[in-house]
Structure formats: C-alpha cells, structure tokens
Full PDB file with SEQRES, HELIX, SHEET, SSBOND, CRYST1, ORIGX, SCALE, CONECT and MASTER records, all heavy atoms in Angstrom:
SEQRES   1 A   36  GLU SER PHE GLY SER MET ALA ASP ARG GLU PRO THR ALA          
SEQRES   2 A   36  ASP LEU GLU ILE ARG ALA SER TRP THR ALA VAL ASP SER          
SEQRES   3 A   36  ARG LEU GLY PRO HIS LEU GLU ALA TRP SER                      
HELIX    1 AA1 GLY A    4  MET A    6  5                                   3    
HELIX    2 AA2 GLY A   29  TRP A   35  1                                   7    
CRYST1    1.000    1.000    1.000  90.00  90.00  90.00 P 1           1          
ORIGX1      1.000000  0.000000  0.000000        0.00000                         
ORIGX2      0.000000  1.000000  0.000000        0.00000                         
ORIGX3      0.000000  0.000000  1.000000        0.00000                         
SCALE1      1.000000  0.000000  0.000000        0.00000                         
SCALE2      0.000000  1.000000  0.000000        0.00000                         
SCALE3      0.000000  0.000000  1.000000        0.00000                         
ATOM      1  N   GLU A   1      78.183  56.667  27.476  1.00  0.00           N  
ATOM      2  CA  GLU A   1      78.874  56.197  26.292  1.00  0.00           C  
ATOM      3  C   GLU A   1      80.286  55.771  26.687  1.00  0.00           C  
ATOM      4  O   GLU A   1      80.922  56.413  27.528  1.00  0.00           O  
ATOM      5  CB  GLU A   1      78.940  57.299  25.223  1.00  0.00           C  
ATOM      6  CG  GLU A   1      77.574  57.667  24.646  1.00  0.00           C  
ATOM      7  CD  GLU A   1      77.702  58.586  23.438  1.00  0.00           C  
ATOM      8  OE1 GLU A   1      78.674  58.422  22.683  1.00  0.00           O  
ATOM      9  OE2 GLU A   1      76.840  59.455  23.291  1.00  0.00           O  
ATOM     10  N   SER A   2      80.760  54.702  26.080  1.00  0.00           N  
ATOM     11  CA  SER A   2      82.048  54.132  26.441  1.00  0.00           C  
ATOM     12  C   SER A   2      83.118  54.510  25.412  1.00  0.00           C  
ATOM     13  O   SER A   2      82.831  54.672  24.225  1.00  0.00           O  
ATOM     14  CB  SER A   2      81.939  52.598  26.529  1.00  0.00           C  
ATOM     15  OG  SER A   2      80.979  52.218  27.502  1.00  0.00           O  
ATOM     16  N   PHE A   3      84.362  54.629  25.897  1.00  0.00           N  
ATOM     17  CA  PHE A   3      85.462  55.040  25.052  1.00  0.00           C  
ATOM     18  C   PHE A   3      86.696  54.183  25.337  1.00  0.00           C  
ATOM     19  O   PHE A   3      86.722  53.395  26.283  1.00  0.00           O  
ATOM     20  CB  PHE A   3      85.797  56.516  25.278  1.00  0.00           C  
ATOM     21  CG  PHE A   3      84.638  57.447  24.965  1.00  0.00           C  
ATOM     22  CD1 PHE A   3      83.740  57.816  25.962  1.00  0.00           C  
ATOM     23  CD2 PHE A   3      84.448  57.923  23.681  1.00  0.00           C  
ATOM     24  CE1 PHE A   3      82.684  58.659  25.685  1.00  0.00           C  
ATOM     25  CE2 PHE A   3      83.381  58.776  23.382  1.00  0.00           C  
ATOM     26  CZ  PHE A   3      82.499  59.140  24.390  1.00  0.00           C  
ATOM     27  N   GLY A   4      87.718  54.375  24.520  1.00  0.00           N  
ATOM     28  CA  GLY A   4      88.964  53.642  24.710  1.00  0.00           C  
ATOM     29  C   GLY A   4      88.760  52.150  24.513  1.00  0.00           C  
ATOM     30  O   GLY A   4      88.129  51.695  23.555  1.00  0.00           O  
ATOM     31  N   SER A   5      89.252  51.351  25.454  1.00  0.00           N  
ATOM     32  CA  SER A   5      89.156  49.905  25.349  1.00  0.00           C  
ATOM     33  C   SER A   5      87.716  49.415  25.469  1.00  0.00           C  
ATOM     34  O   SER A   5      87.428  48.253  25.171  1.00  0.00           O  
ATOM     35  CB  SER A   5      90.019  49.244  26.428  1.00  0.00           C  
ATOM     36  OG  SER A   5      89.564  49.613  27.722  1.00  0.00           O  
ATOM     37  N   MET A   6      86.803  50.286  25.897  1.00  0.00           N  
ATOM     38  CA  MET A   6      85.402  49.896  26.026  1.00  0.00           C  
ATOM     39  C   MET A   6      84.535  50.516  24.936  1.00  0.00           C  
ATOM     40  O   MET A   6      83.316  50.533  25.024  1.00  0.00           O  
ATOM     41  CB  MET A   6      84.860  50.300  27.401  1.00  0.00           C  
ATOM     42  CG  MET A   6      85.558  49.635  28.568  1.00  0.00           C  
ATOM     43  SD  MET A   6      84.757  49.967  30.147  1.00  0.00           S  
ATOM     44  CE  MET A   6      84.926  51.764  30.256  1.00  0.00           C  
ATOM     45  N   ALA A   7      85.162  51.024  23.879  1.00  0.00           N  
ATOM     46  CA  ALA A   7      84.435  51.754  22.849  1.00  0.00           C  
ATOM     47  C   ALA A   7      83.439  50.889  22.094  1.00  0.00           C  
ATOM     48  O   ALA A   7      82.510  51.402  21.456  1.00  0.00           O  
ATOM     49  CB  ALA A   7      85.407  52.385  21.873  1.00  0.00           C  
ATOM     50  N   ASP A   8      83.598  49.548  22.153  1.00  0.00           N  
ATOM     51  CA  ASP A   8      82.690  48.681  21.427  1.00  0.00           C  
ATOM     52  C   ASP A   8      81.367  48.460  22.166  1.00  0.00           C  
ATOM     53  O   ASP A   8      80.446  47.843  21.631  1.00  0.00           O  
ATOM     54  CB  ASP A   8      83.351  47.323  21.176  1.00  0.00           C  
ATOM     55  CG  ASP A   8      83.798  46.630  22.452  1.00  0.00           C  
ATOM     56  OD1 ASP A   8      83.957  47.326  23.476  1.00  0.00           O  
ATOM     57  OD2 ASP A   8      83.980  45.397  22.432  1.00  0.00           O  
ATOM     58  N   ARG A   9      81.258  48.982  23.362  1.00  0.00           N  
ATOM     59  CA  ARG A   9      80.011  48.821  24.127  1.00  0.00           C  
ATOM     60  C   ARG A   9      78.943  49.794  23.611  1.00  0.00           C  
ATOM     61  O   ARG A   9      79.250  50.935  23.271  1.00  0.00           O  
ATOM     62  CB  ARG A   9      80.247  49.069  25.611  1.00  0.00           C  
ATOM     63  CG  ARG A   9      81.160  48.042  26.265  1.00  0.00           C  
ATOM     64  CD  ARG A   9      81.219  48.259  27.777  1.00  0.00           C  
ATOM     65  NE  ARG A   9      82.092  47.296  28.409  1.00  0.00           N  
ATOM     66  CZ  ARG A   9      82.307  47.231  29.724  1.00  0.00           C  
ATOM     67  NH1 ARG A   9      81.708  48.134  30.515  1.00  0.00           N  
ATOM     68  NH2 ARG A   9      83.096  46.315  30.230  1.00  0.00           N  
ATOM     69  N   GLU A  10      77.724  49.319  23.576  1.00  0.00           N  
ATOM     70  CA  GLU A  10      76.620  50.140  23.125  1.00  0.00           C  
ATOM     71  C   GLU A  10      76.304  51.228  24.174  1.00  0.00           C  
ATOM     72  O   GLU A  10      76.468  50.999  25.385  1.00  0.00           O  
ATOM     73  CB  GLU A  10      75.371  49.291  22.907  1.00  0.00           C  
ATOM     74  CG  GLU A  10      75.494  48.303  21.753  1.00  0.00           C  
ATOM     75  CD  GLU A  10      75.566  49.009  20.404  1.00  0.00           C  
ATOM     76  OE1 GLU A  10      74.983  50.111  20.275  1.00  0.00           O  
ATOM     77  OE2 GLU A  10      76.215  48.462  19.496  1.00  0.00           O  
ATOM     78  N   PRO A  11      75.854  52.401  23.736  1.00  0.00           N  
ATOM     79  CA  PRO A  11      75.417  53.409  24.699  1.00  0.00           C  
ATOM     80  C   PRO A  11      74.280  52.892  25.562  1.00  0.00           C  
ATOM     81  O   PRO A  11      73.464  52.055  25.113  1.00  0.00           O  
ATOM     82  CB  PRO A  11      74.956  54.557  23.813  1.00  0.00           C  
ATOM     83  CG  PRO A  11      75.646  54.335  22.501  1.00  0.00           C  
ATOM     84  CD  PRO A  11      75.739  52.865  22.339  1.00  0.00           C  
ATOM     85  N   THR A  12      74.212  53.337  26.769  1.00  0.00           N  
ATOM     86  CA  THR A  12      73.145  52.918  27.693  1.00  0.00           C  
ATOM     87  C   THR A  12      72.442  54.163  28.247  1.00  0.00           C  
ATOM     88  O   THR A  12      73.008  55.271  28.244  1.00  0.00           O  
ATOM     89  CB  THR A  12      73.684  52.084  28.861  1.00  0.00           C  
ATOM     90  OG1 THR A  12      74.603  52.885  29.626  1.00  0.00           O  
ATOM     91  CG2 THR A  12      74.389  50.831  28.354  1.00  0.00           C  
ATOM     92  N   ALA A  13      71.233  53.968  28.692  1.00  0.00           N  
ATOM     93  CA  ALA A  13      70.454  55.064  29.284  1.00  0.00           C  
ATOM     94  C   ALA A  13      69.620  54.526  30.430  1.00  0.00           C  
ATOM     95  O   ALA A  13      69.110  53.405  30.375  1.00  0.00           O  
ATOM     96  CB  ALA A  13      69.571  55.703  28.226  1.00  0.00           C  
ATOM     97  N   ASP A  14      69.505  55.321  31.458  1.00  0.00           N  
ATOM     98  CA  ASP A  14      68.663  54.974  32.604  1.00  0.00           C  
ATOM     99  C   ASP A  14      67.761  56.154  32.934  1.00  0.00           C  
ATOM    100  O   ASP A  14      68.130  57.313  32.723  1.00  0.00           O  
ATOM    101  CB  ASP A  14      69.513  54.645  33.831  1.00  0.00           C  
ATOM    102  CG  ASP A  14      70.319  53.370  33.667  1.00  0.00           C  
ATOM    103  OD1 ASP A  14      69.694  52.299  33.663  1.00  0.00           O  
ATOM    104  OD2 ASP A  14      71.551  53.457  33.507  1.00  0.00           O  
ATOM    105  N   LEU A  15      66.603  55.823  33.439  1.00  0.00           N  
ATOM    106  CA  LEU A  15      65.673  56.824  33.931  1.00  0.00           C  
ATOM    107  C   LEU A  15      65.619  56.720  35.444  1.00  0.00           C  
ATOM    108  O   LEU A  15      65.459  55.615  35.992  1.00  0.00           O  
ATOM    109  CB  LEU A  15      64.274  56.600  33.355  1.00  0.00           C  
ATOM    110  CG  LEU A  15      63.189  57.577  33.812  1.00  0.00           C  
ATOM    111  CD1 LEU A  15      63.478  58.969  33.254  1.00  0.00           C  
ATOM    112  CD2 LEU A  15      61.808  57.093  33.369  1.00  0.00           C  
ATOM    113  N   GLU A  16      65.766  57.852  36.130  1.00  0.00           N  
ATOM    114  CA  GLU A  16      65.710  57.886  37.601  1.00  0.00           C  
ATOM    115  C   GLU A  16      64.618  58.859  38.028  1.00  0.00           C  
ATOM    116  O   GLU A  16      64.560  59.994  37.522  1.00  0.00           O  
ATOM    117  CB  GLU A  16      67.047  58.316  38.186  1.00  0.00           C  
ATOM    118  CG  GLU A  16      68.181  57.339  37.898  1.00  0.00           C  
ATOM    119  CD  GLU A  16      69.487  57.782  38.531  1.00  0.00           C  
ATOM    120  OE1 GLU A  16      69.555  58.937  39.027  1.00  0.00           O  
ATOM    121  OE2 GLU A  16      70.449  56.996  38.523  1.00  0.00           O  
ATOM    122  N   ILE A  17      63.777  58.415  38.937  1.00  0.00           N  
ATOM    123  CA  ILE A  17      62.729  59.272  39.483  1.00  0.00           C  
ATOM    124  C   ILE A  17      62.911  59.328  41.001  1.00  0.00           C  
ATOM    125  O   ILE A  17      62.800  58.310  41.687  1.00  0.00           O  
ATOM    126  CB  ILE A  17      61.324  58.736  39.157  1.00  0.00           C  
ATOM    127  CG1 ILE A  17      61.128  58.626  37.639  1.00  0.00           C  
ATOM    128  CG2 ILE A  17      60.257  59.658  39.763  1.00  0.00           C  
ATOM    129  CD1 ILE A  17      59.790  58.021  37.235  1.00  0.00           C  
ATOM    130  N   ARG A  18      63.220  60.512  41.492  1.00  0.00           N  
ATOM    131  CA  ARG A  18      63.307  60.748  42.928  1.00  0.00           C  
ATOM    132  C   ARG A  18      62.113  61.608  43.325  1.00  0.00           C  
ATOM    133  O   ARG A  18      61.899  62.677  42.731  1.00  0.00           O  
ATOM    134  CB  ARG A  18      64.614  61.449  43.300  1.00  0.00           C  
ATOM    135  CG  ARG A  18      65.855  60.598  43.096  1.00  0.00           C  
ATOM    136  CD  ARG A  18      67.124  61.384  43.361  1.00  0.00           C  
ATOM    137  NE  ARG A  18      68.295  60.549  43.397  1.00  0.00           N  
ATOM    138  CZ  ARG A  18      68.977  60.146  42.329  1.00  0.00           C  
ATOM    139  NH1 ARG A  18      68.579  60.548  41.122  1.00  0.00           N  
ATOM    140  NH2 ARG A  18      70.037  59.366  42.441  1.00  0.00           N  
ATOM    141  N   ALA A  19      61.362  61.165  44.315  1.00  0.00           N  
ATOM    142  CA  ALA A  19      60.151  61.902  44.694  1.00  0.00           C  
ATOM    143  C   ALA A  19      59.875  61.751  46.181  1.00  0.00           C  
ATOM    144  O   ALA A  19      60.189  60.706  46.785  1.00  0.00           O  
ATOM    145  CB  ALA A  19      58.955  61.398  43.890  1.00  0.00           C  
ATOM    146  N   SER A  20      59.315  62.794  46.749  1.00  0.00           N  
ATOM    147  CA  SER A  20      58.886  62.738  48.150  1.00  0.00           C  
ATOM    148  C   SER A  20      57.593  63.515  48.287  1.00  0.00           C  
ATOM    149  O   SER A  20      57.312  64.435  47.503  1.00  0.00           O  
ATOM    150  CB  SER A  20      59.958  63.294  49.096  1.00  0.00           C  
ATOM    151  OG  SER A  20      60.224  64.658  48.802  1.00  0.00           O  
ATOM    152  N   TRP A  21      56.805  63.132  49.269  1.00  0.00           N  
ATOM    153  CA  TRP A  21      55.547  63.813  49.545  1.00  0.00           C  
ATOM    154  C   TRP A  21      55.143  63.531  50.984  1.00  0.00           C  
ATOM    155  O   TRP A  21      55.650  62.615  51.631  1.00  0.00           O  
ATOM    156  CB  TRP A  21      54.456  63.374  48.566  1.00  0.00           C  
ATOM    157  CG  TRP A  21      54.107  61.903  48.614  1.00  0.00           C  
ATOM    158  CD1 TRP A  21      53.151  61.303  49.406  1.00  0.00           C  
ATOM    159  CD2 TRP A  21      54.713  60.854  47.850  1.00  0.00           C  
ATOM    160  NE1 TRP A  21      53.131  59.963  49.159  1.00  0.00           N  
ATOM    161  CE2 TRP A  21      54.058  59.660  48.209  1.00  0.00           C  
ATOM    162  CE3 TRP A  21      55.728  60.820  46.882  1.00  0.00           C  
ATOM    163  CZ2 TRP A  21      54.405  58.430  47.646  1.00  0.00           C  
ATOM    164  CZ3 TRP A  21      56.074  59.586  46.320  1.00  0.00           C  
ATOM    165  CH2 TRP A  21      55.414  58.417  46.706  1.00  0.00           C  
ATOM    166  N   THR A  22      54.232  64.342  51.481  1.00  0.00           N  
ATOM    167  CA  THR A  22      53.762  64.208  52.852  1.00  0.00           C  
ATOM    168  C   THR A  22      52.406  63.531  52.858  1.00  0.00           C  
ATOM    169  O   THR A  22      51.468  63.976  52.177  1.00  0.00           O  
ATOM    170  CB  THR A  22      53.662  65.579  53.524  1.00  0.00           C  
ATOM    171  OG1 THR A  22      54.984  66.132  53.620  1.00  0.00           O  
ATOM    172  CG2 THR A  22      53.072  65.470  54.942  1.00  0.00           C  
ATOM    173  N   ALA A  23      52.298  62.453  53.631  1.00  0.00           N  
ATOM    174  CA  ALA A  23      51.027  61.749  53.808  1.00  0.00           C  
ATOM    175  C   ALA A  23      50.240  62.465  54.898  1.00  0.00           C  
ATOM    176  O   ALA A  23      50.804  62.836  55.937  1.00  0.00           O  
ATOM    177  CB  ALA A  23      51.268  60.293  54.189  1.00  0.00           C  
ATOM    178  N   VAL A  24      48.948  62.646  54.689  1.00  0.00           N  
ATOM    179  CA  VAL A  24      48.149  63.397  55.660  1.00  0.00           C  
ATOM    180  C   VAL A  24      47.641  62.517  56.787  1.00  0.00           C  
ATOM    181  O   VAL A  24      47.086  63.027  57.765  1.00  0.00           O  
ATOM    182  CB  VAL A  24      46.971  64.103  54.959  1.00  0.00           C  
ATOM    183  CG1 VAL A  24      47.474  65.074  53.913  1.00  0.00           C  
ATOM    184  CG2 VAL A  24      46.014  63.095  54.343  1.00  0.00           C  
ATOM    185  N   ASP A  25      47.807  61.196  56.675  1.00  0.00           N  
ATOM    186  CA  ASP A  25      47.425  60.296  57.768  1.00  0.00           C  
ATOM    187  C   ASP A  25      48.337  59.084  57.744  1.00  0.00           C  
ATOM    188  O   ASP A  25      49.278  59.013  56.954  1.00  0.00           O  
ATOM    189  CB  ASP A  25      45.939  59.897  57.671  1.00  0.00           C  
ATOM    190  CG  ASP A  25      45.597  59.260  56.333  1.00  0.00           C  
ATOM    191  OD1 ASP A  25      46.374  58.415  55.853  1.00  0.00           O  
ATOM    192  OD2 ASP A  25      44.542  59.609  55.760  1.00  0.00           O  
ATOM    193  N   SER A  26      48.071  58.110  58.615  1.00  0.00           N  
ATOM    194  CA  SER A  26      48.958  56.950  58.762  1.00  0.00           C  
ATOM    195  C   SER A  26      48.575  55.787  57.855  1.00  0.00           C  
ATOM    196  O   SER A  26      49.139  54.691  57.988  1.00  0.00           O  
ATOM    197  CB  SER A  26      48.969  56.480  60.223  1.00  0.00           C  
ATOM    198  OG  SER A  26      47.668  56.096  60.635  1.00  0.00           O  
ATOM    199  N   ARG A  27      47.645  55.963  56.937  1.00  0.00           N  
ATOM    200  CA  ARG A  27      47.277  54.905  55.994  1.00  0.00           C  
ATOM    201  C   ARG A  27      48.278  54.902  54.843  1.00  0.00           C  
ATOM    202  O   ARG A  27      48.059  55.503  53.804  1.00  0.00           O  
ATOM    203  CB  ARG A  27      45.849  55.097  55.484  1.00  0.00           C  
ATOM    204  CG  ARG A  27      44.778  54.924  56.524  1.00  0.00           C  
ATOM    205  CD  ARG A  27      43.387  55.099  55.918  1.00  0.00           C  
ATOM    206  NE  ARG A  27      43.124  54.126  54.868  1.00  0.00           N  
ATOM    207  CZ  ARG A  27      43.106  54.395  53.569  1.00  0.00           C  
ATOM    208  NH1 ARG A  27      43.345  55.625  53.127  1.00  0.00           N  
ATOM    209  NH2 ARG A  27      42.865  53.444  52.674  1.00  0.00           N  
ATOM    210  N   LEU A  28      49.394  54.204  55.051  1.00  0.00           N  
ATOM    211  CA  LEU A  28      50.496  54.265  54.074  1.00  0.00           C  
ATOM    212  C   LEU A  28      50.459  53.141  53.054  1.00  0.00           C  
ATOM    213  O   LEU A  28      51.149  53.227  52.033  1.00  0.00           O  
ATOM    214  CB  LEU A  28      51.827  54.254  54.819  1.00  0.00           C  
ATOM    215  CG  LEU A  28      52.418  55.620  55.170  1.00  0.00           C  
ATOM    216  CD1 LEU A  28      52.777  56.395  53.917  1.00  0.00           C  
ATOM    217  CD2 LEU A  28      51.516  56.448  56.066  1.00  0.00           C  
ATOM    218  N   GLY A  29      49.668  52.102  53.286  1.00  0.00           N  
ATOM    219  CA  GLY A  29      49.598  51.008  52.325  1.00  0.00           C  
ATOM    220  C   GLY A  29      49.258  51.466  50.919  1.00  0.00           C  
ATOM    221  O   GLY A  29      49.944  51.090  49.953  1.00  0.00           O  
ATOM    222  N   PRO A  30      48.215  52.293  50.739  1.00  0.00           N  
ATOM    223  CA  PRO A  30      47.890  52.774  49.382  1.00  0.00           C  
ATOM    224  C   PRO A  30      49.017  53.567  48.742  1.00  0.00           C  
ATOM    225  O   PRO A  30      49.163  53.546  47.510  1.00  0.00           O  
ATOM    226  CB  PRO A  30      46.649  53.645  49.630  1.00  0.00           C  
ATOM    227  CG  PRO A  30      46.024  53.063  50.861  1.00  0.00           C  
ATOM    228  CD  PRO A  30      47.178  52.649  51.715  1.00  0.00           C  
ATOM    229  N   HIS A  31      49.828  54.257  49.527  1.00  0.00           N  
ATOM    230  CA  HIS A  31      50.957  55.000  48.966  1.00  0.00           C  
ATOM    231  C   HIS A  31      51.968  54.031  48.339  1.00  0.00           C  
ATOM    232  O   HIS A  31      52.455  54.264  47.227  1.00  0.00           O  
ATOM    233  CB  HIS A  31      51.648  55.817  50.063  1.00  0.00           C  
ATOM    234  CG  HIS A  31      50.835  56.929  50.598  1.00  0.00           C  
ATOM    235  ND1 HIS A  31      51.117  58.261  50.361  1.00  0.00           N  
ATOM    236  CD2 HIS A  31      49.716  56.924  51.389  1.00  0.00           C  
ATOM    237  CE1 HIS A  31      50.208  59.023  50.964  1.00  0.00           C  
ATOM    238  NE2 HIS A  31      49.365  58.232  51.610  1.00  0.00           N  
ATOM    239  N   LEU A  32      52.275  52.952  49.060  1.00  0.00           N  
ATOM    240  CA  LEU A  32      53.202  51.954  48.526  1.00  0.00           C  
ATOM    241  C   LEU A  32      52.632  51.280  47.295  1.00  0.00           C  
ATOM    242  O   LEU A  32      53.359  51.039  46.313  1.00  0.00           O  
ATOM    243  CB  LEU A  32      53.528  50.917  49.613  1.00  0.00           C  
ATOM    244  CG  LEU A  32      54.424  49.758  49.190  1.00  0.00           C  
ATOM    245  CD1 LEU A  32      55.772  50.265  48.687  1.00  0.00           C  
ATOM    246  CD2 LEU A  32      54.608  48.782  50.359  1.00  0.00           C  
ATOM    247  N   GLU A  33      51.356  50.970  47.318  1.00  0.00           N  
ATOM    248  CA  GLU A  33      50.738  50.314  46.174  1.00  0.00           C  
ATOM    249  C   GLU A  33      50.774  51.199  44.935  1.00  0.00           C  
ATOM    250  O   GLU A  33      51.087  50.743  43.822  1.00  0.00           O  
ATOM    251  CB  GLU A  33      49.300  49.930  46.524  1.00  0.00           C  
ATOM    252  CG  GLU A  33      49.223  48.820  47.573  1.00  0.00           C  
ATOM    253  CD  GLU A  33      47.816  48.602  48.107  1.00  0.00           C  
ATOM    254  OE1 GLU A  33      46.889  49.346  47.712  1.00  0.00           O  
ATOM    255  OE2 GLU A  33      47.646  47.683  48.928  1.00  0.00           O  
ATOM    256  N   ALA A  34      50.469  52.494  45.093  1.00  0.00           N  
ATOM    257  CA  ALA A  34      50.517  53.423  43.957  1.00  0.00           C  
ATOM    258  C   ALA A  34      51.936  53.571  43.444  1.00  0.00           C  
ATOM    259  O   ALA A  34      52.189  53.566  42.216  1.00  0.00           O  
ATOM    260  CB  ALA A  34      49.927  54.768  44.367  1.00  0.00           C  
ATOM    261  N   TRP A  35      52.888  53.754  44.359  1.00  0.00           N  
ATOM    262  CA  TRP A  35      54.282  53.896  43.936  1.00  0.00           C  
ATOM    263  C   TRP A  35      54.784  52.648  43.220  1.00  0.00           C  
ATOM    264  O   TRP A  35      55.515  52.736  42.212  1.00  0.00           O  
ATOM    265  CB  TRP A  35      55.155  54.180  45.168  1.00  0.00           C  
ATOM    266  CG  TRP A  35      56.616  54.189  44.869  1.00  0.00           C  
ATOM    267  CD1 TRP A  35      57.354  55.211  44.340  1.00  0.00           C  
ATOM    268  CD2 TRP A  35      57.547  53.127  45.080  1.00  0.00           C  
ATOM    269  NE1 TRP A  35      58.673  54.839  44.212  1.00  0.00           N  
ATOM    270  CE2 TRP A  35      58.820  53.570  44.656  1.00  0.00           C  
ATOM    271  CE3 TRP A  35      57.426  51.822  45.600  1.00  0.00           C  
ATOM    272  CZ2 TRP A  35      59.959  52.770  44.740  1.00  0.00           C  
ATOM    273  CZ3 TRP A  35      58.556  51.019  45.661  1.00  0.00           C  
ATOM    274  CH2 TRP A  35      59.805  51.497  45.235  1.00  0.00           C  
ATOM    275  N   SER A  36      54.362  51.470  43.677  1.00  0.00           N  
ATOM    276  CA  SER A  36      54.802  50.229  43.043  1.00  0.00           C  
ATOM    277  C   SER A  36      54.287  50.129  41.611  1.00  0.00           C  
ATOM    278  O   SER A  36      54.945  49.541  40.744  1.00  0.00           O  
ATOM    279  CB  SER A  36      54.332  49.019  43.862  1.00  0.00           C  
ATOM    280  OG  SER A  36      52.939  48.803  43.741  1.00  0.00           O  
TER     281      SER A  36                                                      
MASTER        0    0    0    2    0    0    0    6  280    1    0    3          
END                                                                             
C-alpha cells in the first residue's frame, strides 16, 4: 500500500512460490514442463 505523495496508487499484491525438490534421475525435461 502506498502513502504520502504516492497515496493515490492502488494497493498491489503478488504471489511468490519458492520450491525445491530432489530429482531421482537425470530426466529433467518433465520437471521443467510441469513447473512451467
């Protein structure tokens, strides 16, 4: 939320997802496809 000289700006919101996991083999293409 903005205040002072920027008080006329609308509130904003962002969603952040941080995630990690261990792949059991070297086939990483499907991991990227699922994450995308």
